[in-house]
Every structure is written in C-alpha cells, then in structure tokens.
Amino acid sequence: MDWEKEGNTTLHGMGEITVYAKRCEATILKLVRTEGFPARKVGGIWVSDKLLIDDFWRQKVGQREAVG
C-alpha cells in the first residue's frame, strides 16, 4: 500500500496518531475539537500527517513563548 512506503509521513488510524503524538486518544480527540489538531476521519479511519503534527506542536510552543 502507498502509505507503507518508506518516507511517507501519513499516519493511518488513531493508534498510529497517538503513538506519534505521544498523547492518549482522549487528548487527541480534544485537541482536534478545540485546538485544530491536524487529524480527520476519512472513510471511517483517522488520518493525519507527521509533518502537520510537528508543525502543530511548533506553533503551540511558539504561542507559549510569546505569552510567557
């Protein structure tokens, strides 16, 4: 399958997303609803991208530095 190719940054399924983001499913779902975390359900399967998740965390760190 295409998403299994080396170098592909797509994550398929909540399990892959939670492992990569190092957060539990409940936290990921809350972040999707309230903070715009980059994950969507497509055809009944949660999908995200490692690069988008990395950008999401970088933006969150930048917001904290600007505030604090």
Foldseek 3Di string as FASTA:
>chain_A
DVCPDPPRFKDKAPVRVCVLLVHDPVVQVVCVVPPVQAWDQDPNIIMGGNVSNVVSVVVVVVVVVVVD
